[in-house]
Amino acid sequence: MFTTLRKIGNSRGVLIPATLLAECGISNEIELRLENGRIVIEPASSTREGWFDGYRAELDDDAWRELPPAADSGEWEW
C-alpha cells in the first residue's frame, strides 16, 4: 500500500485506512519507535495493564493495614 505524507504545520502526517487500524487493534493512542531505520507504529498499552487481573477483593488480607507500634510504646524490639 502506498500513500503520501501530508504537511501538518512543521510536521508530516499520513492517513491510515480504518480497516488497517482495526486489524492492528489501534484505536486512539499509539506508540512510535524507530527500528532499523523504520518507523514502527503499535497500539499504546497501559503501563499498569493487567496488574489486577485475577485479583479478588474478598481474599484480601487486612493484616497489612495494622500500624506499627508507636515508638514510645515499649513494644519495639531491636
N, C-alpha and C. Protein backbone atom coordinates (compact mmCIF):
# COMPACT_ATOMS: atom_id res chain seq x y z
N MET A 1 0.85 -1.17 0.00
CA MET A 1 0.00 0.00 0.00
C MET A 1 0.90 1.23 0.00
N PHE A 2 0.66 2.11 -0.92
CA PHE A 2 1.41 3.35 -0.99
C PHE A 2 0.50 4.51 -0.63
N THR A 3 1.07 5.50 0.03
CA THR A 3 0.34 6.72 0.37
C THR A 3 1.36 7.86 0.40
N THR A 4 0.90 9.06 0.59
CA THR A 4 1.81 10.21 0.62
C THR A 4 1.77 10.86 1.99
N LEU A 5 2.85 11.52 2.33
CA LEU A 5 2.91 12.30 3.56
C LEU A 5 2.22 13.63 3.31
N ARG A 6 1.52 14.11 4.30
CA ARG A 6 0.81 15.39 4.18
C ARG A 6 1.40 16.37 5.17
N LYS A 7 1.54 17.60 4.75
CA LYS A 7 2.09 18.64 5.60
C LYS A 7 1.06 19.05 6.64
N ILE A 8 1.48 19.02 7.92
CA ILE A 8 0.63 19.45 9.03
C ILE A 8 1.51 20.35 9.89
N GLY A 9 1.40 21.65 9.67
CA GLY A 9 2.29 22.59 10.37
C GLY A 9 3.72 22.34 9.96
N ASN A 10 4.62 22.18 10.94
CA ASN A 10 6.01 21.87 10.65
C ASN A 10 6.28 20.38 10.57
N SER A 11 5.24 19.58 10.74
CA SER A 11 5.38 18.12 10.74
C SER A 11 4.77 17.54 9.49
N ARG A 12 4.77 16.22 9.42
CA ARG A 12 4.12 15.49 8.33
C ARG A 12 3.19 14.45 8.93
N GLY A 13 2.13 14.14 8.23
CA GLY A 13 1.18 13.14 8.70
C GLY A 13 0.83 12.18 7.58
N VAL A 14 0.32 11.04 7.97
CA VAL A 14 -0.10 10.04 7.00
C VAL A 14 -1.49 9.54 7.40
N LEU A 15 -2.35 9.37 6.43
CA LEU A 15 -3.68 8.82 6.69
C LEU A 15 -3.59 7.30 6.60
N ILE A 16 -4.06 6.64 7.65
CA ILE A 16 -4.05 5.18 7.68
C ILE A 16 -5.50 4.72 7.58
N PRO A 17 -5.81 3.86 6.63
CA PRO A 17 -7.19 3.41 6.47
C PRO A 17 -7.74 2.75 7.74
N ALA A 18 -9.01 2.99 8.01
CA ALA A 18 -9.67 2.47 9.21
C ALA A 18 -9.61 0.95 9.29
N THR A 19 -9.72 0.28 8.17
CA THR A 19 -9.67 -1.19 8.18
C THR A 19 -8.30 -1.69 8.64
N LEU A 20 -7.25 -1.01 8.25
CA LEU A 20 -5.91 -1.39 8.65
C LEU A 20 -5.70 -1.14 10.15
N LEU A 21 -6.22 -0.01 10.64
CA LEU A 21 -6.13 0.29 12.07
C LEU A 21 -6.89 -0.74 12.89
N ALA A 22 -8.08 -1.10 12.44
CA ALA A 22 -8.89 -2.08 13.16
C ALA A 22 -8.20 -3.43 13.19
N GLU A 23 -7.59 -3.82 12.10
CA GLU A 23 -6.90 -5.10 12.03
C GLU A 23 -5.71 -5.15 12.99
N CYS A 24 -5.08 -4.00 13.22
CA CYS A 24 -3.92 -3.92 14.13
C CYS A 24 -4.34 -3.67 15.58
N GLY A 25 -5.62 -3.41 15.82
CA GLY A 25 -6.09 -3.14 17.18
C GLY A 25 -5.75 -1.75 17.66
N ILE A 26 -5.60 -0.82 16.73
CA ILE A 26 -5.27 0.57 17.09
C ILE A 26 -6.55 1.39 17.13
N SER A 27 -6.75 2.09 18.26
CA SER A 27 -7.93 2.96 18.35
C SER A 27 -7.50 4.42 18.37
N ASN A 28 -7.09 4.94 19.53
CA ASN A 28 -6.75 6.36 19.61
C ASN A 28 -5.27 6.62 19.86
N GLU A 29 -4.68 5.90 20.80
CA GLU A 29 -3.29 6.17 21.16
C GLU A 29 -2.37 5.12 20.57
N ILE A 30 -1.19 5.58 20.15
CA ILE A 30 -0.21 4.69 19.56
C ILE A 30 1.15 4.91 20.21
N GLU A 31 2.02 3.96 20.02
CA GLU A 31 3.42 4.09 20.40
C GLU A 31 4.22 4.08 19.11
N LEU A 32 5.14 5.04 18.99
CA LEU A 32 6.02 5.11 17.83
C LEU A 32 7.44 4.81 18.26
N ARG A 33 8.17 4.09 17.42
CA ARG A 33 9.59 3.88 17.70
C ARG A 33 10.32 3.68 16.38
N LEU A 34 11.59 3.95 16.41
CA LEU A 34 12.44 3.76 15.25
C LEU A 34 13.17 2.44 15.42
N GLU A 35 13.08 1.58 14.43
CA GLU A 35 13.69 0.26 14.50
C GLU A 35 14.37 -0.06 13.17
N ASN A 36 15.68 -0.06 13.19
CA ASN A 36 16.47 -0.35 11.98
C ASN A 36 16.07 0.54 10.81
N GLY A 37 15.93 1.84 11.07
CA GLY A 37 15.59 2.78 10.01
C GLY A 37 14.14 2.76 9.58
N ARG A 38 13.29 2.08 10.33
CA ARG A 38 11.86 2.02 10.02
C ARG A 38 11.06 2.61 11.18
N ILE A 39 9.94 3.21 10.86
CA ILE A 39 9.04 3.72 11.88
C ILE A 39 8.03 2.62 12.19
N VAL A 40 7.98 2.21 13.46
CA VAL A 40 7.05 1.16 13.89
C VAL A 40 5.92 1.82 14.67
N ILE A 41 4.71 1.54 14.28
CA ILE A 41 3.51 2.07 14.95
C ILE A 41 2.79 0.90 15.59
N GLU A 42 2.55 1.00 16.92
CA GLU A 42 1.86 -0.06 17.65
C GLU A 42 0.77 0.55 18.51
N PRO A 43 -0.26 -0.25 18.85
CA PRO A 43 -1.27 0.27 19.78
C PRO A 43 -0.60 0.56 21.13
N ALA A 44 -0.98 1.66 21.74
CA ALA A 44 -0.44 2.02 23.05
C ALA A 44 -0.98 1.06 24.09
N SER A 45 -0.10 0.65 24.98
CA SER A 45 -0.53 -0.22 26.07
C SER A 45 -0.34 0.52 27.38
N SER A 46 -1.25 0.31 28.29
CA SER A 46 -1.17 0.92 29.60
C SER A 46 -0.01 0.30 30.36
N THR A 47 0.77 1.12 31.06
CA THR A 47 1.90 0.60 31.81
C THR A 47 1.46 -0.30 32.94
N ARG A 48 0.24 -0.15 33.40
CA ARG A 48 -0.27 -0.96 34.50
C ARG A 48 -1.32 -1.97 34.03
N GLU A 49 -1.35 -2.20 32.75
CA GLU A 49 -2.34 -3.11 32.19
C GLU A 49 -2.13 -4.52 32.76
N GLY A 50 -3.20 -5.10 33.27
CA GLY A 50 -3.15 -6.46 33.77
C GLY A 50 -2.71 -6.60 35.22
N TRP A 51 -2.42 -5.50 35.90
CA TRP A 51 -1.95 -5.56 37.29
C TRP A 51 -2.95 -6.27 38.19
N PHE A 52 -4.23 -6.07 37.96
CA PHE A 52 -5.23 -6.61 38.86
C PHE A 52 -6.01 -7.77 38.24
N ASP A 53 -5.50 -8.32 37.17
CA ASP A 53 -6.15 -9.49 36.59
C ASP A 53 -6.13 -10.63 37.60
N GLY A 54 -7.27 -11.19 37.85
CA GLY A 54 -7.36 -12.30 38.79
C GLY A 54 -7.44 -11.88 40.25
N TYR A 55 -7.37 -10.57 40.53
CA TYR A 55 -7.45 -10.10 41.91
C TYR A 55 -8.87 -10.27 42.43
N ARG A 56 -8.99 -10.80 43.64
CA ARG A 56 -10.30 -10.97 44.27
C ARG A 56 -10.26 -10.28 45.62
N ALA A 57 -11.01 -9.22 45.76
CA ALA A 57 -11.00 -8.40 46.98
C ALA A 57 -11.41 -9.22 48.21
N GLU A 58 -12.28 -10.20 48.02
CA GLU A 58 -12.74 -10.96 49.18
C GLU A 58 -11.62 -11.81 49.80
N LEU A 59 -10.56 -12.02 49.07
CA LEU A 59 -9.44 -12.79 49.59
C LEU A 59 -8.34 -11.90 50.16
N ASP A 60 -8.55 -10.58 50.10
CA ASP A 60 -7.54 -9.64 50.56
C ASP A 60 -7.35 -9.77 52.08
N ASP A 61 -6.12 -9.79 52.51
CA ASP A 61 -5.77 -9.89 53.93
C ASP A 61 -5.58 -8.48 54.48
N ASP A 62 -6.31 -8.13 55.51
CA ASP A 62 -6.21 -6.79 56.07
C ASP A 62 -5.06 -6.63 57.05
N ALA A 63 -4.22 -7.63 57.20
CA ALA A 63 -3.11 -7.55 58.17
C ALA A 63 -2.15 -6.41 57.84
N TRP A 64 -2.00 -6.09 56.58
CA TRP A 64 -1.07 -5.03 56.19
C TRP A 64 -1.56 -3.66 56.66
N ARG A 65 -2.83 -3.55 57.00
CA ARG A 65 -3.38 -2.26 57.42
C ARG A 65 -3.04 -1.89 58.86
N GLU A 66 -2.52 -2.86 59.64
CA GLU A 66 -2.18 -2.58 61.03
C GLU A 66 -0.97 -1.66 61.09
N LEU A 67 -1.07 -0.64 61.91
CA LEU A 67 0.03 0.29 62.07
C LEU A 67 1.07 -0.30 63.02
N PRO A 68 2.35 0.01 62.81
CA PRO A 68 3.36 -0.47 63.76
C PRO A 68 3.16 0.22 65.10
N PRO A 69 3.67 -0.37 66.17
CA PRO A 69 3.51 0.25 67.48
C PRO A 69 4.22 1.61 67.53
N ALA A 70 3.68 2.49 68.33
CA ALA A 70 4.29 3.82 68.47
C ALA A 70 5.69 3.67 69.01
N ALA A 71 6.58 4.55 68.66
CA ALA A 71 7.98 4.48 69.06
C ALA A 71 8.15 4.50 70.57
N ASP A 72 7.27 5.15 71.29
CA ASP A 72 7.42 5.27 72.74
C ASP A 72 6.54 4.27 73.50
N SER A 73 5.96 3.28 72.82
CA SER A 73 5.06 2.34 73.50
C SER A 73 5.79 1.21 74.22
N GLY A 74 7.08 1.03 73.96
CA GLY A 74 7.83 -0.03 74.58
C GLY A 74 7.66 -1.36 73.90
N GLU A 75 6.92 -1.45 72.81
CA GLU A 75 6.69 -2.71 72.10
C GLU A 75 7.73 -3.00 71.05
N TRP A 76 8.59 -2.06 70.76
CA TRP A 76 9.62 -2.27 69.72
C TRP A 76 10.69 -3.22 70.23
N GLU A 77 11.14 -4.08 69.35
CA GLU A 77 12.25 -4.97 69.69
C GLU A 77 13.37 -4.70 68.69
N TRP A 78 14.60 -4.61 69.21
CA TRP A 78 15.75 -4.38 68.33
C TRP A 78 16.58 -5.60 68.21
